[in-house]
Amino acid sequence: MAEVLLFHHALGLTEGVHAFAEELRRGGHTVHVPDLYEGRTFTDLEAGAGHAQEIGFGTLVARGERAAEGLPGALVHAGFSLGVLPAQKLAQTRAGSLGALLIGACVPVEEFGSAWPEGVPVQVHAMDADPFFVDEGDLTAARALVAGAADRELFLYPGSAHLFAEAGAPSHVPEATALCVERVLCFLDGVRG
C-alpha cells in the first residue's frame, strides 16, 4: 500500500486532519501527519493564516522538508491548503516521489521548478466557488498543471467552503469529503511503489 506524508492547513494539526488521515489508514495506507506549527492549533482561519505569516512560508516549507527526512523516497505528498506548499515542493523536487494530493490549493509549477516531473501523478481537489482557490490564482495554476496530462486530475466540488474536508468544522461538507476520500483512495491504490 502507499505511504503518505500529509501536511495540515492553516488551522494546524487538527482533529479534522487526523480524521482524514484515519480514513486513508482504513484503506490500508500508512499516513504520516507532521505538525508544522509545533503544537499550535486555531479555530479561526484568519488567526491561523496570521500565525503562518509570522512563522514565514519559507520556514513552513523547510519544516515540511525536514519531516520527510528519514522517510522512504517513495512517498505520496499531500497537503490541505497551506500544507500544499511543502507537499507540492516535495512532489516536484524529492527523488522517488510517487504522487501528490493537493487539497484546497495549488501553486504554479514554476514556484518549485521549471516543470512538473514526468511520472508523478497528481490530484487537485477544491470547491468550485471557494474564493481562496478561485480568486487567488490556485484554480488557474491547477488547470495549467493538469492540462494535457493523463495522470493529473482536477476535481471541483459544488460549494464555496475552503476547508470542506475538515470534519467537525462549520465549513465541513460531508458529501464532498466522502467523494474526495473515495477518489484519493483510488489514487493511492494506483501509485504503489
C-alpha atoms as a PDB file:
ATOM      1  CA  MET A   1       0.000   0.000   0.000  1.00  0.00           C
ATOM      2  CA  ALA A   2       1.035   3.628  -0.369  1.00  0.00           C
ATOM      3  CA  GLU A   3       2.892   5.697   2.194  1.00  0.00           C
ATOM      4  CA  VAL A   4       1.600   9.267   2.527  1.00  0.00           C
ATOM      5  CA  LEU A   5       3.084  12.408   4.067  1.00  0.00           C
ATOM      6  CA  LEU A   6       0.067  14.639   4.822  1.00  0.00           C
ATOM      7  CA  PHE A   7       0.518  18.312   5.757  1.00  0.00           C
ATOM      8  CA  HIS A   8      -2.101  20.287   7.663  1.00  0.00           C
ATOM      9  CA  HIS A   9      -3.768  23.583   6.747  1.00  0.00           C
ATOM     10  CA  ALA A  10      -3.582  26.994   8.440  1.00  0.00           C
ATOM     11  CA  LEU A  11      -5.606  25.819  11.464  1.00  0.00           C
ATOM     12  CA  GLY A  12      -2.786  23.455  12.385  1.00  0.00           C
ATOM     13  CA  LEU A  13      -2.807  19.729  13.068  1.00  0.00           C
ATOM     14  CA  THR A  14      -6.485  19.496  13.989  1.00  0.00           C
ATOM     15  CA  GLU A  15      -8.787  16.585  14.731  1.00  0.00           C
ATOM     16  CA  GLY A  16     -10.202  17.060  11.215  1.00  0.00           C
ATOM     17  CA  VAL A  17      -6.776  16.451   9.668  1.00  0.00           C
ATOM     18  CA  HIS A  18      -6.345  13.377  11.874  1.00  0.00           C
ATOM     19  CA  ALA A  19      -9.808  12.155  10.820  1.00  0.00           C
ATOM     20  CA  PHE A  20      -8.910  12.439   7.120  1.00  0.00           C
ATOM     21  CA  ALA A  21      -5.627  10.606   7.739  1.00  0.00           C
ATOM     22  CA  GLU A  22      -7.547   7.869   9.548  1.00  0.00           C
ATOM     23  CA  GLU A  23      -9.798   7.401   6.501  1.00  0.00           C
ATOM     24  CA  LEU A  24      -6.698   6.734   4.414  1.00  0.00           C
ATOM     25  CA  ARG A  25      -5.313   4.365   7.051  1.00  0.00           C
ATOM     26  CA  ARG A  26      -8.577   2.420   6.993  1.00  0.00           C
ATOM     27  CA  GLY A  27      -7.879   1.979   3.277  1.00  0.00           C
ATOM     28  CA  GLY A  28      -4.651   0.203   4.238  1.00  0.00           C
ATOM     29  CA  HIS A  29      -2.219   3.078   3.700  1.00  0.00           C
ATOM     30  CA  THR A  30       0.477   4.417   6.011  1.00  0.00           C
ATOM     31  CA  VAL A  31      -0.052   8.120   6.739  1.00  0.00           C
ATOM     32  CA  HIS A  32       2.394  10.476   8.470  1.00  0.00           C
ATOM     33  CA  VAL A  33       0.946  13.780   9.744  1.00  0.00           C
ATOM     34  CA  PRO A  34       3.725  16.116  10.905  1.00  0.00           C
ATOM     35  CA  ASP A  35       2.957  19.233  12.909  1.00  0.00           C
ATOM     36  CA  LEU A  36       4.350  22.288  11.135  1.00  0.00           C
ATOM     37  CA  TYR A  37       3.005  24.543  13.904  1.00  0.00           C
ATOM     38  CA  GLU A  38       4.776  22.738  16.760  1.00  0.00           C
ATOM     39  CA  GLY A  39       1.619  22.164  18.786  1.00  0.00           C
ATOM     40  CA  ARG A  40      -0.395  25.293  17.973  1.00  0.00           C
ATOM     41  CA  THR A  41      -3.910  24.964  16.550  1.00  0.00           C
ATOM     42  CA  PHE A  42      -6.528  27.556  15.687  1.00  0.00           C
ATOM     43  CA  THR A  43     -10.287  27.584  15.249  1.00  0.00           C
ATOM     44  CA  ASP A  44     -10.267  30.730  13.099  1.00  0.00           C
ATOM     45  CA  LEU A  45      -8.758  30.612   9.610  1.00  0.00           C
ATOM     46  CA  GLU A  46      -7.646  34.243   9.724  1.00  0.00           C
ATOM     47  CA  ALA A  47      -5.783  33.704  13.020  1.00  0.00           C
ATOM     48  CA  GLY A  48      -4.171  30.525  11.680  1.00  0.00           C
ATOM     49  CA  ALA A  49      -3.099  32.266   8.495  1.00  0.00           C
ATOM     50  CA  GLY A  50      -1.656  35.105  10.571  1.00  0.00           C
ATOM     51  CA  HIS A  51       0.371  32.584  12.568  1.00  0.00           C
ATOM     52  CA  ALA A  52       1.659  31.048   9.325  1.00  0.00           C
ATOM     53  CA  GLN A  53       2.741  34.504   8.127  1.00  0.00           C
ATOM     54  CA  GLU A  54       4.546  35.143  11.430  1.00  0.00           C
ATOM     55  CA  ILE A  55       6.461  31.874  11.067  1.00  0.00           C
ATOM     56  CA  GLY A  56       7.072  32.527   7.376  1.00  0.00           C
ATOM     57  CA  PHE A  57       6.085  30.346   4.450  1.00  0.00           C
ATOM     58  CA  GLY A  58       9.723  29.502   3.727  1.00  0.00           C
ATOM     59  CA  THR A  59      10.125  28.221   7.279  1.00  0.00           C
ATOM     60  CA  LEU A  60       6.973  26.116   6.978  1.00  0.00           C
ATOM     61  CA  VAL A  61       8.185  24.580   3.715  1.00  0.00           C
ATOM     62  CA  ALA A  62      11.558  23.853   5.334  1.00  0.00           C
ATOM     63  CA  ARG A  63       9.787  22.175   8.265  1.00  0.00           C
ATOM     64  CA  GLY A  64       7.911  20.071   5.738  1.00  0.00           C
ATOM     65  CA  GLU A  65      11.154  19.051   4.070  1.00  0.00           C
ATOM     66  CA  ARG A  66      12.609  18.085   7.449  1.00  0.00           C
ATOM     67  CA  ALA A  67       9.503  15.984   8.152  1.00  0.00           C
ATOM     68  CA  ALA A  68      10.281  13.974   5.015  1.00  0.00           C
ATOM     69  CA  GLU A  69      13.833  13.235   6.124  1.00  0.00           C
ATOM     70  CA  GLY A  70      14.191   9.662   7.281  1.00  0.00           C
ATOM     71  CA  LEU A  71      11.065   8.563   5.422  1.00  0.00           C
ATOM     72  CA  PRO A  72      11.254   6.491   2.236  1.00  0.00           C
ATOM     73  CA  GLY A  73      11.669   8.404  -1.024  1.00  0.00           C
ATOM     74  CA  ALA A  74       8.645   6.559  -2.412  1.00  0.00           C
ATOM     75  CA  LEU A  75       6.026   8.790  -0.799  1.00  0.00           C
ATOM     76  CA  VAL A  76       2.817  10.428  -1.887  1.00  0.00           C
ATOM     77  CA  HIS A  77       2.988  14.045  -0.727  1.00  0.00           C
ATOM     78  CA  ALA A  78      -0.346  15.507   0.335  1.00  0.00           C
ATOM     79  CA  GLY A  79      -1.499  18.784   1.792  1.00  0.00           C
ATOM     80  CA  PHE A  80      -4.535  20.811   2.720  1.00  0.00           C
ATOM     81  CA  SER A  81      -4.465  24.491   1.738  1.00  0.00           C
ATOM     82  CA  LEU A  82      -1.294  25.895   3.388  1.00  0.00           C
ATOM     83  CA  GLY A  83       0.052  22.323   3.571  1.00  0.00           C
ATOM     84  CA  VAL A  84       0.037  22.193  -0.217  1.00  0.00           C
ATOM     85  CA  LEU A  85       3.206  24.325  -0.216  1.00  0.00           C
ATOM     86  CA  PRO A  86       5.519  21.679   1.318  1.00  0.00           C
ATOM     87  CA  ALA A  87       3.585  18.839  -0.355  1.00  0.00           C
ATOM     88  CA  GLN A  88       3.900  20.328  -3.828  1.00  0.00           C
ATOM     89  CA  LYS A  89       7.552  21.263  -3.346  1.00  0.00           C
ATOM     90  CA  LEU A  90       8.441  17.736  -2.206  1.00  0.00           C
ATOM     91  CA  ALA A  91       6.444  16.125  -5.020  1.00  0.00           C
ATOM     92  CA  GLN A  92       8.268  18.277  -7.567  1.00  0.00           C
ATOM     93  CA  THR A  93      11.776  18.062  -6.137  1.00  0.00           C
ATOM     94  CA  ARG A  94      12.220  14.925  -3.994  1.00  0.00           C
ATOM     95  CA  ALA A  95      13.598  11.894  -5.817  1.00  0.00           C
ATOM     96  CA  GLY A  96      11.268   8.911  -5.847  1.00  0.00           C
ATOM     97  CA  SER A  97       8.034  10.828  -5.225  1.00  0.00           C
ATOM     98  CA  LEU A  98       5.066   8.646  -6.110  1.00  0.00           C
ATOM     99  CA  GLY A  99       2.467  11.385  -6.411  1.00  0.00           C
ATOM    100  CA  ALA A 100       0.790  14.463  -4.988  1.00  0.00           C
ATOM    101  CA  LEU A 101      -2.598  15.188  -3.458  1.00  0.00           C
ATOM    102  CA  LEU A 102      -3.288  18.926  -3.339  1.00  0.00           C
ATOM    103  CA  ILE A 103      -6.486  19.817  -1.482  1.00  0.00           C
ATOM    104  CA  GLY A 104      -7.775  23.375  -1.439  1.00  0.00           C
ATOM    105  CA  ALA A 105      -4.711  24.945  -3.050  1.00  0.00           C
ATOM    106  CA  CYS A 106      -2.274  24.698  -5.951  1.00  0.00           C
ATOM    107  CA  VAL A 107       0.664  26.952  -6.745  1.00  0.00           C
ATOM    108  CA  PRO A 108       2.192  27.481 -10.177  1.00  0.00           C
ATOM    109  CA  VAL A 109       4.640  24.705 -11.033  1.00  0.00           C
ATOM    110  CA  GLU A 110       7.325  27.355 -11.634  1.00  0.00           C
ATOM    111  CA  GLU A 111       7.334  28.091  -7.903  1.00  0.00           C
ATOM    112  CA  PHE A 112       9.405  24.944  -7.325  1.00  0.00           C
ATOM    113  CA  GLY A 113      10.974  24.146 -10.699  1.00  0.00           C
ATOM    114  CA  SER A 114      10.683  24.503 -14.428  1.00  0.00           C
ATOM    115  CA  ALA A 115       8.144  21.707 -14.966  1.00  0.00           C
ATOM    116  CA  TRP A 116       6.124  19.060 -13.163  1.00  0.00           C
ATOM    117  CA  PRO A 117       8.173  15.846 -13.067  1.00  0.00           C
ATOM    118  CA  GLU A 118       7.181  13.135 -15.550  1.00  0.00           C
ATOM    119  CA  GLY A 119       5.643  10.058 -13.970  1.00  0.00           C
ATOM    120  CA  VAL A 120       4.474  11.826 -10.803  1.00  0.00           C
ATOM    121  CA  PRO A 121       0.667  11.741 -10.853  1.00  0.00           C
ATOM    122  CA  VAL A 122      -1.363  14.383  -9.078  1.00  0.00           C
ATOM    123  CA  GLN A 123      -4.897  15.057  -7.946  1.00  0.00           C
ATOM    124  CA  VAL A 124      -6.124  18.548  -7.060  1.00  0.00           C
ATOM    125  CA  HIS A 125      -9.360  18.816  -5.043  1.00  0.00           C
ATOM    126  CA  ALA A 126     -11.248  22.037  -4.270  1.00  0.00           C
ATOM    127  CA  MET A 127     -14.683  23.610  -4.239  1.00  0.00           C
ATOM    128  CA  ASP A 128     -15.699  25.394  -7.429  1.00  0.00           C
ATOM    129  CA  ALA A 129     -16.681  28.632  -5.653  1.00  0.00           C
ATOM    130  CA  ASP A 130     -14.029  28.686  -2.897  1.00  0.00           C
ATOM    131  CA  PRO A 131     -12.814  32.305  -3.038  1.00  0.00           C
ATOM    132  CA  PHE A 132      -9.338  31.352  -1.794  1.00  0.00           C
ATOM    133  CA  PHE A 133      -8.948  28.749  -4.547  1.00  0.00           C
ATOM    134  CA  VAL A 134     -10.753  30.511  -7.385  1.00  0.00           C
ATOM    135  CA  ASP A 135      -9.868  34.167  -6.812  1.00  0.00           C
ATOM    136  CA  GLU A 136      -6.236  33.841  -5.673  1.00  0.00           C
ATOM    137  CA  GLY A 137      -4.893  32.013  -8.731  1.00  0.00           C
ATOM    138  CA  ASP A 138      -4.972  28.439  -7.464  1.00  0.00           C
ATOM    139  CA  LEU A 139      -7.630  27.346  -9.963  1.00  0.00           C
ATOM    140  CA  THR A 140      -5.574  28.785 -12.820  1.00  0.00           C
ATOM    141  CA  ALA A 141      -2.446  27.010 -11.526  1.00  0.00           C
ATOM    142  CA  ALA A 142      -4.357  23.730 -11.138  1.00  0.00           C
ATOM    143  CA  ARG A 143      -5.772  23.898 -14.671  1.00  0.00           C
ATOM    144  CA  ALA A 144      -2.284  24.562 -16.048  1.00  0.00           C
ATOM    145  CA  LEU A 145      -0.867  21.667 -14.027  1.00  0.00           C
ATOM    146  CA  VAL A 146      -3.358  19.088 -15.279  1.00  0.00           C
ATOM    147  CA  ALA A 147      -3.615  20.314 -18.885  1.00  0.00           C
ATOM    148  CA  GLY A 148      -2.799  17.587 -21.374  1.00  0.00           C
ATOM    149  CA  ALA A 149      -1.566  15.067 -18.780  1.00  0.00           C
ATOM    150  CA  ALA A 150      -3.343  11.729 -18.394  1.00  0.00           C
ATOM    151  CA  ASP A 151      -2.009  11.196 -14.858  1.00  0.00           C
ATOM    152  CA  ARG A 152      -3.074  14.579 -13.458  1.00  0.00           C
ATOM    153  CA  GLU A 153      -6.642  15.379 -12.418  1.00  0.00           C
ATOM    154  CA  LEU A 154      -8.569  18.373 -11.091  1.00  0.00           C
ATOM    155  CA  PHE A 155     -11.743  17.662  -9.116  1.00  0.00           C
ATOM    156  CA  LEU A 156     -14.074  20.553  -8.349  1.00  0.00           C
ATOM    157  CA  TYR A 157     -16.935  20.092  -5.884  1.00  0.00           C
ATOM    158  CA  PRO A 158     -20.003  22.344  -5.715  1.00  0.00           C
ATOM    159  CA  GLY A 159     -19.732  24.933  -2.973  1.00  0.00           C
ATOM    160  CA  SER A 160     -17.610  27.692  -1.510  1.00  0.00           C
ATOM    161  CA  ALA A 161     -16.090  26.127   1.625  1.00  0.00           C
ATOM    162  CA  HIS A 162     -12.309  26.330   1.770  1.00  0.00           C
ATOM    163  CA  LEU A 163     -11.672  23.605   4.361  1.00  0.00           C
ATOM    164  CA  PHE A 164     -14.505  21.374   3.138  1.00  0.00           C
ATOM    165  CA  ALA A 165     -12.760  18.187   4.333  1.00  0.00           C
ATOM    166  CA  GLU A 166     -12.229  19.452   7.904  1.00  0.00           C
ATOM    167  CA  ALA A 167     -14.535  17.161   9.906  1.00  0.00           C
ATOM    168  CA  GLY A 168     -16.088  18.921  12.878  1.00  0.00           C
ATOM    169  CA  ALA A 169     -15.663  22.428  11.454  1.00  0.00           C
ATOM    170  CA  PRO A 170     -18.556  24.625  10.265  1.00  0.00           C
ATOM    171  CA  SER A 171     -17.004  24.539   6.769  1.00  0.00           C
ATOM    172  CA  HIS A 172     -17.140  20.719   6.595  1.00  0.00           C
ATOM    173  CA  VAL A 173     -19.088  19.336   3.636  1.00  0.00           C
ATOM    174  CA  PRO A 174     -19.553  15.609   4.347  1.00  0.00           C
ATOM    175  CA  GLU A 175     -20.692  14.620   0.830  1.00  0.00           C
ATOM    176  CA  ALA A 176     -17.722  16.344  -0.836  1.00  0.00           C
ATOM    177  CA  THR A 177     -15.353  14.909   1.765  1.00  0.00           C
ATOM    178  CA  ALA A 178     -16.643  11.366   1.173  1.00  0.00           C
ATOM    179  CA  LEU A 179     -16.196  11.715  -2.584  1.00  0.00           C
ATOM    180  CA  CYS A 180     -12.739  13.251  -2.112  1.00  0.00           C
ATOM    181  CA  VAL A 181     -11.687  10.359   0.157  1.00  0.00           C
ATOM    182  CA  GLU A 182     -13.017   7.831  -2.371  1.00  0.00           C
ATOM    183  CA  ARG A 183     -11.022   9.455  -5.184  1.00  0.00           C
ATOM    184  CA  VAL A 184      -7.903   9.758  -3.036  1.00  0.00           C
ATOM    185  CA  LEU A 185      -8.088   6.074  -2.082  1.00  0.00           C
ATOM    186  CA  CYS A 186      -8.385   5.095  -5.767  1.00  0.00           C
ATOM    187  CA  PHE A 187      -5.367   7.302  -6.486  1.00  0.00           C
ATOM    188  CA  LEU A 188      -3.338   5.723  -3.690  1.00  0.00           C
ATOM    189  CA  ASP A 189      -4.254   2.225  -4.833  1.00  0.00           C
ATOM    190  CA  GLY A 190      -2.789   3.066  -8.229  1.00  0.00           C
ATOM    191  CA  VAL A 191       0.554   4.570  -7.131  1.00  0.00           C
ATOM    192  CA  ARG A 192       2.194   1.775  -5.210  1.00  0.00           C
ATOM    193  CA  GLY A 193       5.961   1.987  -5.303  1.00  0.00           C
END
